[in-house]
Protein backbone atom coordinates (compact mmCIF):
# COMPACT_ATOMS: atom_id res chain seq x y z
CA MET A 1 90.49 31.32 29.67
CA LEU A 2 89.54 27.77 28.66
CA ILE A 3 87.24 29.22 26.03
CA VAL A 4 90.09 31.31 24.65
CA PHE A 5 92.32 28.24 24.38
CA ALA A 6 89.53 26.23 22.78
CA VAL A 7 89.07 28.90 20.14
CA PHE A 8 92.84 29.05 19.70
CA TYR A 9 93.01 25.33 18.96
CA LEU A 10 90.35 25.67 16.26
CA VAL A 11 92.77 27.80 14.24
CA ALA A 12 93.91 25.67 11.32
CA TYR A 13 97.58 25.07 10.73
CA CYS A 14 99.49 23.72 7.76
CA ASP A 15 103.03 23.39 6.54
CA GLY A 16 104.34 23.78 10.10
CA TYR A 17 102.78 27.11 11.02
CA LEU A 18 99.58 28.49 12.50
CA GLU A 19 97.48 31.07 10.72
CA MET A 20 97.60 34.40 12.53
CA PRO A 21 94.53 34.52 14.80
CA GLY A 22 92.13 37.42 14.58
CA PRO A 23 91.88 39.99 17.37
CA LEU A 24 89.80 39.38 20.46
CA PRO A 25 86.27 40.71 19.91
CA GLY A 26 86.06 44.48 20.21
CA THR A 27 89.82 44.93 20.64
CA ASN A 28 93.11 45.21 18.73
CA THR A 29 94.61 42.43 20.90
CA TYR A 30 96.06 39.41 19.12
CA GLN A 31 96.92 36.39 21.25
CA LEU A 32 99.93 34.27 20.26
CA ARG A 33 100.46 31.11 22.33
CA MET A 34 102.67 28.06 22.32
CA PRO A 35 100.29 25.25 21.22
CA GLY A 36 100.46 23.11 24.33
CA VAL A 37 104.10 22.10 23.90
CA ILE A 38 105.93 19.56 26.06
CA PRO A 39 109.67 20.27 26.44
CA ALA A 40 111.52 16.99 25.90
CA LYS A 41 114.60 17.88 27.91
CA ASP A 42 116.24 20.52 30.06
CA ASP A 43 117.39 23.57 28.09
CA ASP A 44 114.92 22.86 25.30
CA TYR A 45 114.26 25.56 22.70
CA ILE A 46 110.83 25.32 21.05
CA CYS A 47 109.39 27.62 18.35
CA THR A 48 105.95 28.11 16.88
CA ALA A 49 105.14 30.26 13.84
CA PHE A 50 102.15 32.41 12.84
CA LYS A 51 101.59 33.34 9.21
CA LEU A 52 100.66 36.98 8.63
CA ASP A 53 98.26 38.31 6.02
CA PRO A 54 100.52 38.92 2.99
CA GLU A 55 98.23 41.70 1.78
CA LYS A 56 97.84 43.59 5.05
CA GLU A 57 100.55 45.74 6.59
CA MET A 58 100.18 46.14 10.34
CA TYR A 59 102.04 47.72 13.27
CA ILE A 60 102.67 46.28 16.74
CA THR A 61 102.24 49.01 19.38
CA GLN A 62 102.31 46.95 22.59
CA PHE A 63 103.82 43.70 23.86
CA LYS A 64 102.48 41.88 26.92
CA VAL A 65 103.75 38.45 27.95
CA GLU A 66 101.47 35.70 29.22
CA GLY A 67 103.84 33.37 31.02
CA SER A 68 106.14 33.06 34.00
CA ALA A 69 109.78 32.43 34.76
CA GLU A 70 108.70 29.28 36.57
CA LYS A 71 108.37 27.64 33.14
CA ALA A 72 110.07 29.89 30.60
CA HIS A 73 113.71 30.87 30.98
CA HIS A 74 113.22 33.46 28.25
CA MET A 75 111.09 34.20 25.20
CA ILE A 76 111.89 35.93 21.90
CA LEU A 77 109.48 37.18 19.26
CA SER A 78 111.05 37.28 15.81
CA GLY A 79 109.81 38.51 12.46
CA CYS A 80 110.74 36.15 9.62
CA ALA A 81 110.55 36.06 5.85
CA GLY A 82 110.18 32.27 6.05
CA VAL A 83 110.14 29.56 8.70
CA PHE A 84 111.94 26.29 9.28
CA THR A 85 110.28 23.30 10.91
CA SER A 86 111.53 19.80 11.41
CA SER A 87 108.09 18.41 10.49
CA PRO A 88 105.43 19.75 8.13
CA ASP A 89 102.70 18.31 10.36
CA THR A 90 103.27 20.26 13.56
CA PRO A 91 102.97 23.96 14.42
CA SER A 92 106.01 23.83 16.71
CA TRP A 93 109.56 22.54 16.36
CA ASN A 94 112.87 22.27 18.16
CA CYS A 95 114.73 25.47 17.34
CA GLY A 96 117.75 24.87 19.54
CA SER A 97 119.30 22.49 17.04
CA HIS A 98 117.36 23.79 14.03
CA ALA A 99 116.93 27.28 12.64
CA THR A 100 114.20 29.67 13.73
CA CYS A 101 113.71 31.42 10.39
CA THR A 102 114.66 31.19 6.77
CA GLY A 103 115.51 34.32 4.84
CA SER A 104 115.64 37.66 6.59
CA THR A 105 115.20 37.64 10.38
CA ARG A 106 114.69 40.40 12.90
CA ILE A 107 114.07 40.41 16.62
CA LEU A 108 110.92 42.27 17.61
CA TYR A 109 110.80 41.62 21.35
CA ALA A 110 112.56 39.72 24.14
CA TRP A 111 111.50 38.81 27.68
CA ALA A 112 112.76 36.98 30.78
CA LYS A 113 112.39 36.84 34.57
CA ASN A 114 108.73 37.92 34.86
CA ALA A 115 109.44 41.24 33.17
CA ALA A 116 106.81 43.85 32.44
CA GLY A 117 105.51 44.33 28.92
CA THR A 118 106.22 47.34 26.71
CA LYS A 119 103.90 49.95 25.23
CA MET A 120 105.47 51.83 22.35
CA PRO A 121 105.62 55.63 22.32
CA PRO A 122 102.89 57.45 20.37
CA GLU A 123 103.16 57.18 16.57
CA VAL A 124 105.66 54.28 16.80
CA GLY A 125 105.06 50.65 15.82
CA PHE A 126 106.94 47.56 14.65
CA ARG A 127 105.96 47.06 11.00
CA ILE A 128 104.85 43.55 9.98
CA GLY A 129 103.07 41.83 7.07
CA GLY A 130 101.83 43.28 3.80
CA THR A 131 103.53 43.80 0.46
CA GLY A 132 105.41 47.00 1.33
CA LYS A 133 108.79 47.49 2.97
CA SER A 134 108.22 44.97 5.74
CA ARG A 135 109.81 41.60 5.02
CA VAL A 136 108.10 40.04 8.03
CA LYS A 137 105.75 37.35 6.72
CA TYR A 138 105.68 35.24 9.89
CA LEU A 139 105.82 35.89 13.61
CA VAL A 140 107.83 33.24 15.44
CA VAL A 141 107.63 32.77 19.22
CA GLN A 142 110.71 31.04 20.65
CA VAL A 143 110.71 29.84 24.26
CA HIS A 144 113.75 28.51 26.10
CA TYR A 145 112.66 25.99 28.73
CA ALA A 146 115.47 25.68 31.29
CA THR A 147 113.90 22.53 32.75
CA LYS A 148 111.33 19.97 31.69
CA LEU A 149 107.76 20.42 32.87
CA ALA A 150 105.99 18.11 35.26
CA PRO A 151 104.79 14.85 33.66
CA GLY A 152 101.72 15.44 31.51
CA GLU A 153 101.94 19.23 31.74
CA ARG A 154 101.76 21.34 28.58
CA ASP A 155 102.83 24.92 28.06
CA TYR A 156 100.86 27.80 26.55
CA THR A 157 103.32 30.64 27.16
CA GLY A 158 102.91 33.51 24.69
CA LEU A 159 102.16 37.15 24.09
CA ASP A 160 99.23 39.53 23.76
CA LEU A 161 100.05 42.01 21.00
CA GLU A 162 98.28 45.30 20.37
CA ILE A 163 98.29 45.65 16.58
CA THR A 164 96.89 48.36 14.34
CA SER A 165 96.55 48.68 10.58
CA GLN A 166 96.93 52.45 10.90
CA PRO A 167 100.31 53.47 9.42
CA GLN A 168 102.64 54.92 12.06
CA LYS A 169 104.84 57.98 11.65
CA TYR A 170 107.88 56.05 12.90
CA ILE A 171 108.85 52.38 12.80
CA GLY A 172 110.22 50.55 15.82
CA GLY A 173 113.51 48.70 15.66
CA ILE A 174 116.03 46.73 17.73
CA LEU A 175 119.81 47.22 17.88
CA LEU A 176 121.33 44.06 19.37
CA MET A 177 124.81 44.12 20.89
CA VAL A 178 126.38 40.81 21.91
CA GLY A 179 129.49 39.97 23.90
CA SER A 180 131.04 36.54 24.31
CA PRO A 181 132.11 35.88 27.90
CA GLU A 182 134.81 33.46 28.98
CA ILE A 183 134.81 33.34 32.76
CA PRO A 184 137.55 31.65 34.82
CA PRO A 185 136.61 30.17 38.20
CA HIS A 186 136.87 31.97 41.55
CA THR A 187 137.14 35.44 39.99
CA ALA A 188 135.40 38.48 41.48
CA VAL A 189 135.13 40.59 38.32
CA VAL A 190 135.25 39.43 34.69
CA ASN A 191 134.12 41.60 31.78
CA ALA A 192 132.85 40.81 28.30
CA ASP A 193 133.12 43.98 26.19
CA SER A 194 131.94 44.80 22.69
CA CYS A 195 132.04 48.05 20.77
CA CYS A 196 129.81 49.29 17.98
CA PRO A 197 130.58 52.00 15.41
CA LEU A 198 127.14 52.68 13.91
CA ASP A 199 126.95 52.46 10.14
CA SER A 200 123.40 53.62 9.39
CA THR A 201 123.04 57.00 7.68
CA ILE A 202 119.42 57.25 8.87
CA PRO A 203 119.34 58.29 12.55
CA ILE A 204 117.88 55.98 15.17
CA ASN A 205 116.38 57.25 18.42
CA VAL A 206 117.08 54.84 21.31
CA PHE A 207 114.52 55.13 24.12
CA ALA A 208 114.58 51.78 25.97
CA THR A 209 117.03 48.95 26.61
CA ARG A 210 116.89 45.38 27.91
CA VAL A 211 119.91 43.54 29.32
CA HIS A 212 120.40 39.77 29.45
CA ALA A 213 122.89 37.46 31.18
CA HIS A 214 122.61 34.27 33.20
CA ALA A 215 123.34 33.46 36.84
CA LEU A 216 126.88 34.92 37.02
CA GLY A 217 125.92 38.32 35.61
CA THR A 218 126.16 41.17 38.12
CA VAL A 219 125.77 44.34 36.04
CA ILE A 220 125.49 45.33 32.36
CA THR A 221 126.26 48.81 31.07
CA ALA A 222 126.24 50.61 27.74
CA TYR A 223 127.66 54.04 26.89
CA LYS A 224 127.58 56.47 24.02
CA TYR A 225 131.23 57.14 23.18
CA ASP A 226 132.82 60.13 21.46
CA PRO A 227 135.98 58.89 19.69
CA HIS A 228 137.29 62.45 19.38
CA THR A 229 137.05 63.52 23.02
CA HIS A 230 137.00 59.95 24.48
CA GLU A 231 134.07 60.99 26.66
CA THR A 232 131.29 58.56 27.55
CA GLU A 233 127.65 59.04 28.49
CA LEU A 234 125.64 56.33 30.22
CA ILE A 235 122.82 54.86 28.14
CA ILE A 236 121.78 52.02 30.45
CA LYS A 237 122.94 50.28 33.59
CA GLY A 238 120.97 47.19 34.47
CA ASN A 239 120.96 44.22 36.79
CA PRO A 240 120.39 41.00 34.79
CA GLN A 241 119.04 39.28 37.92
CA TRP A 242 116.06 41.66 37.98
CA PRO A 243 113.04 41.33 35.66
CA GLN A 244 114.51 41.69 32.16
CA ALA A 245 112.16 44.30 30.75
CA PHE A 246 112.80 47.13 28.30
CA TYR A 247 113.53 49.96 30.72
CA PRO A 248 113.73 53.63 29.65
CA THR A 249 117.24 54.85 28.89
CA THR A 250 118.84 57.76 30.74
CA ARG A 251 117.52 60.00 27.98
CA GLU A 252 116.55 59.57 24.34
CA PHE A 253 119.69 59.06 22.26
CA GLN A 254 119.69 60.00 18.58
CA MET A 255 122.54 58.19 16.87
CA ALA A 256 123.73 57.63 13.30
CA LYS A 257 126.83 56.83 11.26
CA GLY A 258 129.94 57.99 13.13
CA ASP A 259 128.50 57.47 16.60
CA GLU A 260 129.86 54.64 18.76
CA ILE A 261 128.45 52.50 21.58
CA LEU A 262 130.50 50.70 24.24
CA ALA A 263 128.83 47.72 25.94
CA ARG A 264 130.05 45.75 28.95
CA CYS A 265 128.72 42.70 30.78
CA THR A 266 130.29 42.02 34.17
CA TYR A 267 130.31 38.67 35.97
CA SER A 268 131.42 37.15 39.27
CA SER A 269 132.42 33.48 39.48
CA LEU A 270 133.31 33.43 43.17
CA GLY A 271 132.38 30.02 44.53
CA LYS A 272 132.44 28.36 41.12
CA SER A 273 135.28 25.93 40.42
CA THR A 274 134.97 25.52 36.64
CA TYR A 275 135.26 27.75 33.58
CA THR A 276 132.05 29.21 32.15
CA TYR A 277 131.72 29.94 28.44
CA SER A 278 129.23 31.62 26.17
CA GLY A 279 126.39 29.34 25.12
CA GLY A 280 122.69 28.64 24.99
CA SER A 281 122.16 26.52 28.10
CA GLY A 282 121.32 27.82 31.54
CA ALA A 283 124.74 26.67 32.77
CA ASP A 284 126.47 28.80 30.10
CA GLU A 285 126.60 32.57 30.08
CA MET A 286 125.39 35.29 27.71
CA CYS A 287 125.94 39.00 27.18
CA ASN A 288 123.09 40.62 25.26
CA ILE A 289 121.93 44.23 25.17
CA TYR A 290 118.75 44.98 23.21
CA MET A 291 118.29 48.66 22.35
CA MET A 292 114.78 49.59 21.25
CA TYR A 293 114.52 52.62 18.98
CA TYR A 294 112.30 54.41 16.50
CA THR A 295 113.38 55.66 13.11
CA ASP A 296 112.13 57.05 9.81
CA ALA A 297 109.32 54.87 8.44
CA GLY A 298 110.37 55.41 4.83
CA ASN A 299 114.11 54.75 4.94
CA GLY A 300 115.03 53.58 8.44
CA THR A 301 116.53 50.19 9.33
CA GLU A 302 114.32 47.95 11.49
CA PHE A 303 116.97 45.63 12.93
CA GLN A 304 120.71 45.95 13.47
CA GLN A 305 123.27 43.70 15.10
CA CYS A 306 126.57 45.26 16.01
CA GLY A 307 129.66 44.57 18.07
CA TYR A 308 133.38 44.34 17.46
CA VAL A 309 136.55 43.86 19.44
CA CYS A 310 137.17 47.13 21.27
CA ASN A 311 140.33 49.03 20.35
CA PRO A 312 142.76 50.27 23.06
CA GLU A 313 141.22 53.75 23.20
CA GLN A 314 137.75 52.32 23.64
CA ASN A 315 138.96 49.92 26.32
CA LYS A 316 140.38 52.83 28.32
CA ALA A 317 137.14 54.81 27.98
CA TYR A 318 134.97 52.57 30.16
CA PRO A 319 134.25 54.42 33.42
CA ALA A 320 135.71 52.84 36.55
CA ASP A 321 132.24 52.41 38.06
CA SER A 322 131.00 50.40 35.06
CA ILE A 323 131.69 47.23 37.07
CA GLN A 324 129.87 48.49 40.18
CA PRO A 325 126.49 46.73 40.57
CA LEU A 326 123.32 48.67 41.28
CA PRO A 327 122.20 48.81 44.93
CA PRO A 328 120.44 45.61 46.05
CA ASN A 329 116.69 45.51 45.51
CA PRO A 330 115.26 42.39 47.20
CA VAL A 331 111.79 43.09 45.82
CA LEU A 332 112.91 43.08 42.19
CA GLU A 333 115.13 40.07 42.76
CA ALA A 334 112.23 38.16 44.31
CA TYR A 335 109.84 39.28 41.58
CA ALA A 336 112.23 38.01 38.91
CA ILE A 337 111.87 34.52 40.40
CA ASN A 338 108.34 34.41 41.77
CA GLY A 339 106.43 37.18 40.02
CA LYS A 340 103.09 38.17 41.54
CA MET A 341 103.11 35.11 43.78
CA ASN A 342 105.86 36.63 45.90
CA HIS A 343 104.59 37.20 49.44
CA GLN A 344 106.63 40.36 49.99
CA LEU A 345 105.16 42.04 46.93
CA ARG A 346 101.60 41.21 47.96
CA THR A 347 101.87 42.29 51.60
CA ASN A 348 104.18 45.34 51.63
CA SER A 349 101.73 48.21 51.28
CA SER A 350 104.50 50.77 50.74
CA LEU A 351 105.28 49.25 47.34
CA ASP A 352 103.39 49.75 44.11
CA GLU A 353 102.62 46.49 42.35
CA HIS A 354 105.05 45.67 39.57
CA PRO A 355 103.28 46.94 36.44
CA GLU A 356 102.24 44.70 33.58
CA ILE A 357 103.22 47.32 31.00
CA ILE A 358 106.00 49.94 30.89
CA THR A 359 104.82 52.87 28.78
CA GLN A 360 107.64 54.35 26.71
CA GLN A 361 107.95 57.99 25.62
CA ARG A 362 109.49 59.94 22.77
CA LYS A 363 111.56 63.10 23.05
CA GLY A 364 109.34 66.14 23.42
CA GLU A 365 106.59 64.36 25.34
CA ASN A 366 105.87 65.32 28.93
CA GLN A 367 108.49 63.50 31.00
CA PRO A 368 110.85 64.29 33.88
CA ALA A 369 114.12 65.94 32.96
CA LYS A 370 117.17 63.66 33.11
CA THR A 371 120.80 64.61 33.29
CA LYS A 372 124.06 62.99 32.31
CA ASP A 373 125.20 62.64 35.91
CA SER A 374 122.06 61.04 37.34
CA THR A 375 121.51 57.32 37.79
CA PRO A 376 118.21 57.05 35.90
CA VAL A 377 118.48 53.39 34.95
CA GLU A 378 118.54 52.50 38.60
CA ALA A 379 115.58 54.86 38.91
CA ALA A 380 113.82 53.42 35.87
CA GLN A 381 114.05 49.86 37.13
CA GLY A 382 113.15 50.89 40.66
CA ASP A 383 110.25 53.02 39.41
CA THR A 384 108.45 49.96 38.14
CA VAL A 385 108.05 48.79 41.73
CA ASN A 386 108.79 51.55 44.22
CA LYS A 387 108.51 55.16 43.11
CA GLU A 388 109.18 56.51 46.59
CA SER A 389 112.61 54.87 46.74
CA ILE A 390 113.95 56.52 43.58
CA GLY A 391 115.09 59.74 45.20
CA THR A 392 116.78 57.92 48.07
CA GLN A 393 118.60 55.52 45.75
CA ALA A 394 119.75 58.33 43.46
CA GLU A 395 121.01 60.38 46.42
CA THR A 396 122.86 57.37 47.84
CA ALA A 397 124.47 56.64 44.48
CA GLN A 398 125.55 60.26 44.11
CA ASP A 399 126.97 60.39 47.66
CA ASN A 400 129.00 57.24 47.06
CA LYS A 401 130.10 58.08 43.52
CA GLU A 402 133.38 59.78 44.42
CA LYS A 403 134.37 57.07 46.90
CA LEU A 404 133.54 54.29 44.44
CA ASN A 405 135.53 55.93 41.68
CA GLN A 406 138.59 56.17 43.91
CA GLN A 407 138.32 52.54 45.01
CA LEU A 408 137.51 51.10 41.62
CA GLN A 409 140.16 53.06 39.74
CA LYS A 410 142.84 51.26 41.79
CA LYS A 411 141.26 47.86 41.21
CA GLN A 412 140.23 48.24 37.61
CA GLU A 413 143.35 46.85 35.91
CA ASP A 414 143.59 43.91 38.31
CA HIS A 415 139.94 42.93 38.35
CA PHE A 416 138.47 42.99 34.87
CA TRP A 417 139.37 41.43 31.57
CA SER A 418 138.68 42.82 28.17
CA PHE A 419 137.54 39.80 26.30
CA LEU A 420 138.68 39.80 22.63
CA PHE A 421 136.02 37.81 20.88
CA PHE A 422 132.64 38.56 19.37
CA TYR A 423 130.11 36.11 17.96
CA ARG A 424 127.08 36.72 15.88
CA ARG A 425 124.02 35.22 17.48
CA PHE A 426 120.40 36.33 17.26
CA PHE A 427 118.92 34.61 20.29
CA SER A 428 119.54 35.01 23.99
């Protein structure tokens, strides 16, 4: 590992960015690392940029994070047309108070809480570099450090990317939905809702989703909504206190102009005596849902951000159990904090080790059938640690579904707020 870092430091940098390193010998693995940064304060945001070959178009097919929640609150990989640095003499800069990119920007990947990496489905890749349709000329790694490191300690958090120059049949993309929570104290259930009428004429095929909130977040849900019948279908239901990976959706959703998505982040402020607002620090809250999709390589859109104030019909369409958290999973909750160092994960032989990579699939590949009425997100997140528990959890959820609906229907109007504000923000 020391040899790898030594080689990494030999890479020349200029104008505030590093040249993109070559792949590890005999592989398609490219290592991007923070260059030994020292966070100057709590809630510090630091970025480092890597310049891509302007003549070579490439495709990212796998993301694997090298880092831990002990140091990094979260990490985002962005593709940029240009970069902003506060100094031309350093390969990293403060990007909490300064911009991350100049020109066009798109999110390629996001990670938090010791989450597993993501392997793209066959024939799908995030397009970067070159002189073609990709406008990504730089890769920028942004890390949010919730607290300062120990004196004298430097950070090398980063990613291992599998990259190919072989053109892919489909391009990968991210649809980002953002809510803006405002949470009063001592309140059991508070919602931040946002709604998205898709505007793209080229269909996108959503296959995985990542949810993000801070300490008050209890559950995050997203639904496909039919404005004609007012019916909803669950896309994802996730616990933001678990590893924040891209988990498979309940099924693959093909969506285009005319389709709508309803998103909801739910919080509990019981025991907290002050208001909590949306913001970038660990003491603030966030409501982010990242939907990973593939689309047509020739005409598809590679990044979309969407979310508006929900209208009255959309507000009424949220299912009553949207505010009901997933069943507790102490293993995932412990893994989100301690990762592989957690004693329970290492000693409980009935549990599979949390994987380093979640392999995604496209429609038509060999995969288990999923239905509208199942609870596959609970299963998808549980499957990364304990495959044997999936059936039991699904059966329990189904047995309790009718009772929960009856209880929650009575409490729904009293317990959750529909928050009427949406802000445009790229980073969680």
